[in-house]
Protein backbone atom coordinates (compact mmCIF):
# COMPACT_ATOMS: atom_id res chain seq x y z
CA MET A 1 9.24 24.17 19.29
CA THR A 2 11.03 22.91 21.86
CA PHE A 3 14.01 20.79 21.27
CA LEU A 4 15.38 18.48 23.76
CA ARG A 5 18.61 15.87 24.39
CA LEU A 6 18.07 12.77 22.44
CA LYS A 7 17.12 9.91 24.26
CA ILE A 8 18.59 8.09 26.95
CA TYR A 9 19.95 5.31 24.55
CA CYS A 10 22.47 7.53 22.78
CA LEU A 11 22.82 10.01 24.92
CA SER A 12 26.62 9.46 26.15
CA THR A 13 27.44 9.01 22.28
CA PHE A 14 25.92 12.38 22.07
CA LEU A 15 28.04 13.85 24.45
CA LEU A 16 31.20 12.40 22.93
CA MET A 17 30.32 13.93 19.55
CA ALA A 18 29.89 17.15 21.07
CA ALA A 19 33.43 17.12 22.16
CA GLY A 20 35.22 15.12 19.35
CA LEU A 21 33.66 17.16 16.67
CA GLY A 22 34.82 20.83 18.19
CA ALA A 23 38.44 19.16 18.70
CA SER A 24 39.17 17.33 15.71
CA ALA A 25 38.92 17.38 12.01
CA SER A 26 39.33 13.69 11.79
CA THR A 27 36.61 12.52 14.19
CA THR A 28 33.78 10.53 12.88
CA VAL A 29 30.84 9.65 15.40
CA THR A 30 28.20 7.13 15.40
CA VAL A 31 24.88 7.55 16.73
CA THR A 32 22.38 4.48 16.50
CA TYR A 33 18.60 4.32 16.70
CA PRO A 34 16.68 1.02 17.81
CA ALA A 35 13.59 0.45 16.22
CA SER A 36 10.75 1.48 18.27
CA THR A 37 7.91 -0.68 18.86
CA ARG A 38 5.45 1.69 19.38
CA GLU A 39 2.09 1.81 17.60
CA ILE A 40 2.22 3.57 13.94
CA ILE A 41 -0.34 5.02 11.58
CA ASN A 42 1.16 5.27 8.38
CA PRO A 43 -0.41 6.16 4.67
CA TYR A 44 -1.02 3.05 2.09
CA ILE A 45 -0.35 0.32 4.59
CA GLY A 46 -2.55 -1.54 7.42
CA ASN A 47 -6.28 -2.57 7.97
CA VAL A 48 -9.18 -0.98 5.05
CA ALA A 49 -12.48 0.14 5.84
CA TRP A 50 -15.59 -0.10 3.65
CA ALA A 51 -16.03 3.19 2.05
CA ASN A 52 -19.92 3.01 2.18
CA SER A 53 -20.03 2.91 5.92
CA GLN A 54 -20.03 5.56 8.08
CA SER A 55 -20.15 3.75 11.39
CA GLN A 56 -17.44 4.18 14.04
CA ARG A 57 -14.19 2.25 13.50
CA GLU A 58 -12.38 0.74 16.39
CA GLN A 59 -8.99 0.47 14.79
CA PRO A 60 -6.70 3.42 13.19
CA PHE A 61 -6.83 2.96 9.33
CA THR A 62 -5.81 5.25 6.24
CA LEU A 63 -7.40 3.43 3.63
CA ILE A 64 -11.10 2.71 2.41
CA TYR A 65 -12.27 0.66 -0.37
CA ALA A 66 -15.10 0.90 -2.90
CA ASN A 67 -16.51 -1.38 -5.43
CA LEU A 68 -18.08 0.16 -8.58
CA LEU A 69 -20.69 -1.61 -10.16
CA TRP A 70 -20.75 -1.15 -13.62
CA GLY A 71 -24.69 -1.05 -13.89
CA ASP A 72 -25.05 2.02 -11.32
CA PHE A 73 -21.96 3.76 -13.05
CA GLU A 74 -23.02 3.58 -16.54
CA PRO A 75 -27.08 3.58 -16.30
CA ALA A 76 -26.83 5.16 -20.06
CA GLU A 77 -24.58 4.32 -22.70
CA GLY A 78 -21.50 6.74 -22.75
CA GLU A 79 -23.31 8.45 -19.53
CA TYR A 80 -21.10 8.09 -15.97
CA ASP A 81 -22.53 8.57 -12.47
CA PHE A 82 -19.26 9.83 -10.30
CA GLU A 83 -21.12 11.50 -8.35
CA SER A 84 -23.51 8.88 -6.85
CA PHE A 85 -20.25 6.55 -6.84
CA GLU A 86 -18.61 9.15 -4.46
CA GLU A 87 -21.78 10.30 -2.20
CA LEU A 88 -22.18 6.34 -1.68
CA ASN A 89 -18.90 6.11 -0.97
CA HIS A 90 -18.44 9.53 1.08
CA PHE A 91 -15.51 10.25 -0.83
CA ASP A 92 -15.67 13.81 0.35
CA LYS A 93 -15.73 12.78 4.10
CA TRP A 94 -12.61 10.27 3.11
CA ARG A 95 -10.80 12.88 1.27
CA GLN A 96 -11.07 15.39 4.58
CA GLU A 97 -9.69 13.00 6.74
CA GLY A 98 -6.77 12.52 4.60
CA LYS A 99 -7.52 8.57 3.81
CA LYS A 100 -6.43 6.79 0.41
CA ALA A 101 -9.05 4.85 -1.23
CA ILE A 102 -8.76 1.23 -3.15
CA ILE A 103 -11.21 1.07 -5.90
CA ARG A 104 -12.09 -2.06 -7.58
CA PHE A 105 -14.67 -1.92 -11.08
CA VAL A 106 -17.41 -5.11 -10.94
CA MET A 107 -19.16 -6.65 -13.19
CA ASP A 108 -20.65 -9.89 -11.38
CA VAL A 109 -21.61 -9.66 -7.58
CA PRO A 110 -23.78 -13.06 -6.31
CA ASP A 111 -26.74 -11.97 -4.42
CA SER A 112 -29.56 -13.18 -2.94
CA LYS A 113 -31.84 -12.01 -5.34
CA SER A 114 -31.67 -12.29 -9.17
CA HIS A 115 -30.27 -8.95 -11.15
CA MET A 116 -27.44 -7.92 -13.22
CA ASP A 117 -24.51 -6.12 -12.36
CA ILE A 118 -24.31 -4.70 -15.88
CA PRO A 119 -26.09 -2.18 -17.16
CA ASN A 120 -29.37 -2.86 -19.00
CA TRP A 121 -28.54 -1.33 -22.10
CA LEU A 122 -25.32 -3.34 -22.63
CA TRP A 123 -27.15 -6.92 -21.83
CA LYS A 124 -29.48 -5.92 -24.72
CA LYS A 125 -26.20 -4.82 -26.96
CA THR A 126 -24.40 -7.40 -26.45
CA GLY A 127 -27.34 -9.66 -27.59
CA LYS A 128 -28.08 -11.44 -24.11
CA ASP A 129 -26.09 -13.93 -24.66
CA GLY A 130 -24.92 -13.94 -20.83
CA GLN A 131 -26.17 -16.66 -18.39
CA SER A 132 -28.60 -15.62 -15.70
CA TYR A 133 -27.42 -18.01 -12.61
CA ASN A 134 -28.63 -19.48 -9.17
CA ILE A 135 -25.87 -21.23 -7.91
CA SER A 136 -24.23 -22.05 -4.23
CA TYR A 137 -22.38 -18.42 -4.29
CA GLY A 138 -26.18 -16.95 -5.02
CA ARG A 139 -27.79 -14.96 -7.75
CA GLY A 140 -26.80 -12.99 -10.70
CA TYR A 141 -25.53 -12.91 -14.16
CA ASN A 142 -22.86 -14.31 -15.88
CA PRO A 143 -21.92 -12.04 -18.93
CA ASN A 144 -20.04 -13.73 -21.69
CA TYR A 145 -16.37 -11.79 -21.35
CA ALA A 146 -15.62 -12.73 -24.99
CA ASN A 147 -18.18 -10.62 -26.56
CA PRO A 148 -16.57 -8.05 -28.53
CA VAL A 149 -18.96 -5.04 -27.51
CA LEU A 150 -18.83 -5.68 -23.84
CA ILE A 151 -14.85 -5.56 -24.35
CA GLU A 152 -15.29 -2.18 -26.34
CA SER A 153 -17.81 -1.08 -23.84
CA HIS A 154 -15.36 -2.26 -20.70
CA GLU A 155 -12.62 -0.22 -22.51
CA LYS A 156 -14.68 2.63 -22.60
CA ALA A 157 -15.87 2.49 -19.16
CA ILE A 158 -12.16 2.42 -17.57
CA SER A 159 -10.78 5.03 -19.79
CA ALA A 160 -13.67 7.05 -18.38
CA LEU A 161 -12.66 6.18 -14.94
CA GLY A 162 -8.96 7.51 -15.74
CA GLU A 163 -9.93 10.54 -17.21
CA HIS A 164 -11.56 11.27 -13.92
CA TYR A 165 -9.26 9.70 -11.42
CA GLY A 166 -6.02 8.56 -13.34
CA GLN A 167 -4.17 12.05 -12.06
CA ASP A 168 -6.17 11.70 -8.16
CA PRO A 169 -3.55 11.21 -5.70
CA PHE A 170 -6.87 10.05 -3.60
CA ILE A 171 -7.07 6.90 -5.71
CA ALA A 172 -4.13 5.25 -4.22
CA PHE A 173 -4.83 1.22 -5.47
CA VAL A 174 -6.95 0.15 -8.28
CA GLN A 175 -7.97 -3.90 -8.32
CA LEU A 176 -8.19 -5.02 -11.45
CA GLY A 177 -11.75 -6.66 -11.02
CA SER A 178 -13.63 -6.66 -13.85
CA LEU A 179 -13.74 -10.52 -14.62
CA GLY A 180 -15.86 -13.20 -12.82
CA HIS A 181 -17.63 -13.16 -9.79
CA TRP A 182 -16.44 -10.30 -7.17
CA GLY A 183 -14.53 -9.16 -10.13
CA GLU A 184 -11.87 -12.37 -8.75
CA TRP A 185 -11.10 -13.77 -12.00
CA HIS A 186 -13.21 -16.89 -11.47
CA VAL A 187 -16.42 -18.23 -12.23
CA SER A 188 -18.50 -21.34 -11.16
CA SER A 189 -17.52 -24.61 -12.37
CA LYS A 190 -21.35 -24.53 -13.73
CA LEU A 191 -21.38 -21.30 -16.11
CA HIS A 192 -19.62 -20.67 -19.17
CA PRO A 193 -15.68 -20.52 -18.38
CA LEU A 194 -13.69 -17.27 -18.36
CA PRO A 195 -11.92 -16.49 -22.10
CA LEU A 196 -8.55 -17.65 -22.75
CA GLU A 197 -5.34 -14.94 -22.37
CA PRO A 198 -5.56 -12.84 -25.22
CA ILE A 199 -8.92 -11.91 -24.67
CA ARG A 200 -8.50 -11.66 -20.83
CA ASP A 201 -5.56 -9.39 -21.66
CA LEU A 202 -7.70 -6.89 -23.61
CA TYR A 203 -9.45 -6.24 -19.98
CA VAL A 204 -6.29 -5.40 -18.38
CA LEU A 205 -4.84 -3.21 -20.74
CA PRO A 206 -7.16 -0.39 -20.62
CA TYR A 207 -6.49 0.16 -16.97
CA LEU A 208 -2.86 0.32 -17.62
CA ASP A 209 -3.53 3.74 -19.56
CA ALA A 210 -5.98 4.70 -17.17
CA PHE A 211 -4.06 4.58 -13.80
CA PRO A 212 -0.17 6.14 -14.46
CA ASN A 213 0.29 6.33 -10.90
CA ALA A 214 -2.06 4.44 -8.74
CA GLN A 215 -0.47 1.21 -7.70
CA LEU A 216 -2.34 -2.04 -10.10
CA LEU A 217 -3.39 -4.98 -8.67
CA MET A 218 -4.51 -8.26 -9.77
CA ARG A 219 -5.64 -11.63 -8.41
CA ARG A 220 -3.32 -14.30 -9.86
CA PRO A 221 0.15 -13.21 -11.64
CA PHE A 222 -0.82 -13.69 -15.09
CA ALA A 223 1.79 -13.16 -17.51
CA ILE A 224 0.55 -9.27 -18.43
CA ALA A 225 0.70 -9.28 -14.72
CA SER A 226 4.65 -10.16 -14.57
CA LYS A 227 5.22 -7.85 -18.09
CA HIS A 228 4.05 -4.69 -16.50
CA LYS A 229 4.99 -5.72 -12.67
CA ILE A 230 1.46 -5.30 -11.31
CA GLY A 231 0.92 -6.05 -7.90
CA LEU A 232 -1.49 -8.81 -6.52
CA TYR A 233 -4.43 -9.12 -4.27
CA ASN A 234 -5.14 -12.34 -2.11
CA ASP A 235 -8.92 -12.23 -1.02
CA THR A 236 -8.54 -15.66 1.03
CA THR A 237 -5.88 -14.02 3.45
CA GLY A 238 -5.55 -15.71 6.58
CA SER A 239 -6.78 -19.16 5.32
CA LEU A 240 -3.97 -21.63 5.19
CA GLU A 241 -4.95 -24.08 2.26
CA SER A 242 -6.16 -21.07 -0.28
CA THR A 243 -3.65 -18.78 0.63
CA GLN A 244 -0.66 -21.39 -0.01
CA THR A 245 -2.61 -22.21 -2.94
CA TRP A 246 -1.90 -18.72 -4.14
CA LEU A 247 1.86 -18.42 -3.02
CA ASN A 248 2.20 -21.52 -4.96
CA TRP A 249 0.86 -20.15 -8.09
CA ILE A 250 3.26 -16.94 -7.51
CA GLU A 251 6.39 -19.35 -6.84
CA GLU A 252 6.11 -21.71 -9.54
CA GLY A 253 3.42 -20.53 -12.22
CA GLY A 254 1.45 -23.13 -13.72
CA ILE A 255 -2.14 -23.60 -14.66
CA TYR A 256 -4.96 -21.43 -14.37
CA ASP A 257 -7.72 -23.32 -13.32
CA GLN A 258 -10.40 -21.77 -15.25
CA THR A 259 -9.63 -22.18 -18.37
CA GLN A 260 -6.82 -25.27 -18.14
CA GLU A 261 -4.49 -23.11 -20.00
CA GLU A 262 -1.00 -24.89 -19.30
CA SER A 263 1.40 -21.26 -18.14
CA ALA A 264 -1.00 -18.76 -17.96
CA LEU A 265 0.20 -18.22 -14.06
CA VAL A 266 3.58 -17.42 -14.36
CA PRO A 267 6.04 -17.04 -11.40
CA MET A 268 6.26 -13.79 -9.73
CA PRO A 269 8.30 -14.11 -6.20
CA ASP A 270 9.89 -11.19 -6.24
CA ALA A 271 6.59 -9.26 -7.46
CA TRP A 272 6.54 -7.57 -3.90
CA GLY A 273 9.49 -6.05 -4.26
CA HIS A 274 8.65 -3.42 -6.72
CA ALA A 275 4.77 -3.59 -6.36
CA PRO A 276 2.23 -3.95 -3.59
CA VAL A 277 0.07 -6.92 -2.28
CA GLY A 278 -3.10 -6.55 -0.43
CA GLY A 279 -6.14 -8.55 -0.16
CA GLU A 280 -9.33 -9.14 2.31
CA LEU A 281 -9.34 -11.55 4.95
CA SER A 282 -10.80 -15.16 4.09
CA THR A 283 -14.64 -15.27 4.89
CA ARG A 284 -14.31 -19.08 6.08
CA TYR A 285 -13.25 -17.92 9.22
CA LYS A 286 -15.03 -14.95 11.64
CA HIS A 287 -12.17 -12.11 11.54
CA ILE A 288 -11.41 -12.39 15.04
CA GLU A 289 -10.28 -16.17 14.46
CA PHE A 290 -7.23 -14.96 12.76
CA LEU A 291 -6.16 -13.35 16.02
CA GLU A 292 -7.29 -16.29 18.69
CA GLU A 293 -3.95 -17.15 20.16
CA GLU A 294 -3.95 -20.89 18.09
CA MET A 295 -3.99 -19.30 15.19
CA LEU A 296 -2.23 -15.88 15.75
CA GLY A 297 1.34 -17.54 14.72
CA GLN A 298 -0.07 -19.29 11.45
CA THR A 299 -1.70 -15.38 10.29
CA LEU A 300 1.63 -13.62 10.77
CA ALA A 301 3.68 -16.00 8.75
CA LEU A 302 1.34 -16.11 6.01
CA PHE A 303 1.31 -12.58 6.30
CA GLU A 304 4.61 -12.35 5.91
CA LEU A 305 5.29 -14.61 3.31
CA SER A 306 2.63 -12.67 1.19
CA HIS A 307 4.85 -9.62 1.87
CA THR A 308 1.33 -7.91 2.89
CA SER A 309 0.81 -4.45 2.28
CA TRP A 310 -2.71 -3.80 3.64
CA ILE A 311 -5.94 -6.14 4.69
CA GLY A 312 -9.11 -5.46 3.27
CA PRO A 313 -12.09 -4.54 2.90
CA ARG A 314 -12.57 -7.35 5.50
CA SER A 315 -10.18 -6.83 7.74
CA PHE A 316 -9.48 -6.38 11.80
CA VAL A 317 -10.76 -2.63 12.05
CA ASP A 318 -13.66 -3.16 13.73
CA VAL A 319 -12.07 -5.24 16.39
CA ASP A 320 -12.81 -3.65 19.89
CA ARG A 321 -9.80 -1.12 20.46
CA ASP A 322 -7.54 -2.26 23.68
CA GLY A 323 -9.80 -5.09 24.26
CA GLU A 324 -8.93 -9.10 24.50
CA TYR A 325 -7.52 -8.96 20.78
CA GLN A 326 -5.60 -6.05 21.09
CA LYS A 327 -2.05 -7.30 21.12
CA ALA A 328 -3.12 -9.69 18.71
CA ILE A 329 -3.66 -6.81 16.10
CA ASP A 330 -0.48 -4.54 17.60
CA GLN A 331 1.27 -7.37 16.20
CA VAL A 332 -0.34 -7.54 13.07
CA ASN A 333 0.38 -3.94 12.45
CA GLN A 334 3.91 -4.20 13.54
CA LYS A 335 4.13 -7.04 10.61
CA ILE A 336 2.74 -5.49 7.71
CA GLY A 337 3.47 -3.04 5.36
CA TYR A 338 6.37 -1.04 6.10
CA ARG A 339 8.25 0.22 9.55
CA LEU A 340 11.08 2.78 7.95
CA ARG A 341 13.67 4.24 9.98
CA VAL A 342 17.16 5.80 10.36
CA ALA A 343 19.42 2.92 11.85
CA LYS A 344 22.66 4.63 12.29
CA SER A 345 24.38 8.21 11.61
CA GLU A 346 28.33 8.38 10.93
CA ILE A 347 29.33 12.33 11.19
CA THR A 348 32.21 13.25 10.49
CA GLN A 349 33.12 17.34 10.50
CA THR A 350 36.10 18.52 8.45
CA ASP A 351 38.24 21.44 9.36
CA ASP A 352 36.73 23.89 6.43
CA GLY A 353 33.64 23.68 8.41
CA GLN A 354 31.44 21.03 6.07
CA VAL A 355 29.95 17.41 7.50
CA SER A 356 29.59 14.39 5.83
CA LEU A 357 27.07 12.18 6.90
CA LEU A 358 26.79 8.52 6.51
CA LEU A 359 22.94 7.25 6.89
CA THR A 360 21.92 3.57 7.34
CA TRP A 361 18.37 3.21 6.50
CA GLU A 362 16.27 -0.30 7.74
CA ASN A 363 12.81 -1.62 7.47
CA SER A 364 11.69 -3.71 10.08
CA ALA A 365 7.94 -5.15 8.52
CA ILE A 366 7.59 -6.92 5.76
CA ALA A 367 7.01 -4.65 2.65
CA PRO A 368 8.58 -1.74 0.96
CA PHE A 369 6.71 1.94 0.60
CA TYR A 370 5.72 1.84 -3.07
CA PHE A 371 5.40 5.65 -3.80
CA ASP A 372 8.02 8.25 -5.13
CA TRP A 373 8.34 10.18 -1.92
CA GLN A 374 11.43 11.32 -1.25
CA PRO A 375 13.83 10.62 2.08
CA SER A 376 15.42 13.79 3.23
CA LEU A 377 17.29 15.81 5.82
CA GLN A 378 16.20 19.13 7.49
CA ILE A 379 18.98 20.98 9.07
CA LEU A 380 17.23 23.68 11.64
CA ALA A 381 19.24 26.40 13.24
CA GLY A 382 19.28 27.87 16.66
CA ASP A 383 17.48 30.84 15.13
CA GLY A 384 14.64 28.61 13.70
CA LYS A 385 15.68 28.70 10.07
CA SER A 386 15.71 25.35 8.14
CA VAL A 387 16.59 23.95 4.88
CA ILE A 388 15.81 20.74 3.33
CA LEU A 389 18.13 18.57 1.76
CA PRO A 390 16.72 15.58 -0.22
CA LEU A 391 18.91 12.26 -0.05
CA ASP A 392 20.14 10.38 -3.27
CA LEU A 393 18.38 7.34 -1.78
CA ASN A 394 15.05 5.59 -3.45
CA VAL A 395 12.30 5.02 -0.63
CA GLU A 396 11.06 1.59 -2.55
CA ASP A 397 14.59 0.31 -2.14
CA ILE A 398 14.86 0.10 1.62
CA LYS A 399 13.49 -3.18 1.87
CA PRO A 400 12.60 -5.71 4.61
CA GLY A 401 15.47 -6.91 6.00
CA LEU A 402 18.41 -5.23 3.51
CA PRO A 403 19.85 -2.05 5.10
CA VAL A 404 20.86 0.90 2.66
CA GLN A 405 23.06 3.53 3.11
CA THR A 406 23.26 6.51 1.52
CA GLU A 407 25.85 9.43 1.82
CA ILE A 408 25.75 13.19 1.86
CA MET A 409 27.74 16.03 2.19
CA ILE A 410 26.61 19.17 3.99
CA GLY A 411 28.19 21.91 2.50
CA LYS A 412 29.80 25.09 4.72
CA GLU A 413 27.22 27.25 2.91
CA THR A 414 24.49 25.21 4.53
CA VAL A 415 26.08 24.51 8.24
CA PRO A 416 24.78 27.08 10.23
CA ALA A 417 26.77 29.32 12.35
CA GLY A 418 26.32 28.18 16.37
CA SER A 419 24.07 25.06 17.01
CA TYR A 420 21.59 22.82 14.72
CA THR A 421 19.73 20.18 14.86
CA VAL A 422 19.43 17.58 11.99
CA TYR A 423 16.39 15.66 11.10
CA ALA A 424 15.40 13.14 8.74
CA GLY A 425 11.97 12.52 7.32
CA ILE A 426 10.31 11.24 4.13
CA VAL A 427 8.58 14.26 1.98
CA ASN A 428 5.46 13.61 0.15
CA PRO A 429 6.43 15.51 -3.12
CA GLN A 430 2.73 16.68 -3.59
CA SER A 431 2.49 18.60 -0.48
CA GLY A 432 6.20 19.12 0.71
CA ASP A 433 5.73 17.83 3.92
CA ALA A 434 7.15 15.02 5.64
CA GLU A 435 4.13 12.64 5.97
CA ILE A 436 6.03 9.05 7.00
CA GLU A 437 6.00 8.18 10.98
CA LEU A 438 9.38 6.60 11.15
CA ALA A 439 9.90 3.86 13.75
CA MET A 440 12.22 6.04 15.73
CA ASP A 441 11.93 6.96 19.55
CA THR A 442 14.01 9.87 18.69
CA GLU A 443 12.44 13.65 19.33
CA HIS A 444 10.25 14.21 16.67
CA GLU A 445 7.80 17.10 15.22
CA ASP A 446 5.62 17.28 11.98
CA LYS A 447 7.34 13.79 11.59
CA TRP A 448 10.73 15.05 10.97
CA TYR A 449 12.83 13.04 13.38
CA GLU A 450 16.03 14.15 15.24
CA LEU A 451 19.05 12.29 14.68
CA PHE A 452 21.53 14.60 16.04
CA ARG A 453 22.99 17.97 17.22
CA ILE A 454 26.15 19.97 16.51
CA SER A 455 27.55 22.71 17.90
CA ASN A 456 30.14 25.15 15.95
CA ASN A 457 30.74 27.39 19.28
C-alpha cells in the first residue's frame, strides 16, 4: 500500500501538526475535511432494481426488490416454495454481487386477467368469501381480511418466512404488504373495505417476531407502526399531491380513509430518525419527468421532506448513464440516504506518548444509517502492522445537519514507534471490514479514510 500526503486543502495544517506535536505536549492541531461531492455508491440507499429482471442496469444500485405472491409461495397448505421464489428473483446472482434485498408479501395484485393471488386451497378453506373484481385497477380477487382462517394462515406463512430469512443479512428491508391491492393497504371503494385496527394489527404482529434484524416499513403511519418504531414507505414518491397527503398523515395523523376510523393514523414526524423511509416513484408520470428541469427542484424537495433512503422498485436505475439526465440523477444521489464523513479532527499528543483525539462526524444527506455498524479508527504503523479501535459512537446518531463528536484516547501501548497513520471507517460487524464510502476526498483504501499522520521520530 502506498501512502500519500493529505490533500492540498489540509497540507499546511498537516505540516503544522507534525511540527507542533513534536515540539510541545500541549499542542492541539485541527484538521478539517470538506464534504466530497463525488459519486458514492453505498449499501441500503439509492435506486432499487427489480430482482426478477437480469437486464443490464444503467445506474449503479445496491438494492433489489422482490414481490412474494402468496399463491406461488404456498401452493399446498404448509408447503412453502422458497426455491421458486429465489430462482425467479435471481437471489444467488444478487448475493454474489453483494446486493441486499427488499421483499414484500402480497395477496392481491390487480392484472389484466381474472386470477387469484392467494392459494387455491386457502380460497376453498376460507369459504370463498372474498370478491372477484374487474375494476379500473384491473382484475383480481379481494380476500375477506377479517376471515379467521386467512389470519391464521397468514401468521403461519410469515412465520415460515422468518424461519428462512429472519437471520439472513441479505434481507435488508421488509415492506409489510399483506393487505390490499399490491400490498398497499387500500382497496377500491367498490369492494368490501379493509378491516378495523384490531384485526389489521393481527397482520402486523407476525412480522415483528419473524424479522428481528431487517428493517420493517409500513405504507401508512398506523399506531402499531409508531409503537414498534416501524419505518414507512410511499409508493407515490415524486407526485406532489399524493406525497403531500402522505406527509400530512405523518405530520398530523388522522382519519384512515379506508375505514373512516378517526385516529387510526398517528403523527410520526420524527420516525425517520430511527427507522427508514422508502418507496417507489409514482406511476402518474414517466420516471424521467421527475428529472426534468421544471420538476427536479420539486422532486428533490419531496425527497428531503420525506427523508428518503431509497427509491424503488420503480426508480431511476434504467436512466441512461452519462446521458442528458445524469446531472439530475447525481443531484438525487447526493440528496437521498446518508453521506457520512469525519468533518474535523482535533489531535493532542501528551508528554507521556498518548494521543487524545476529538472527532466531529457529519451527515450531508437527508437520512441516517439505520444498521448497527461500528464507526472505528485504524492505526497503521510504518511496518504495516495495524490495530482497529471502535469509537464510542452510534452510527445512527450521525443525523443530517447535526454534527456529533466522539473522543478517544489512544494509549501509548497502542501508539506505534516511528511514523503512523490514522484512518476512519465504518465497520460491518458481520464481515469485520469497513464497508461504507465516506464523503471525504482524503487518501483511502478498503474504505478506510486517512485522517492524519504523526511522526514520533
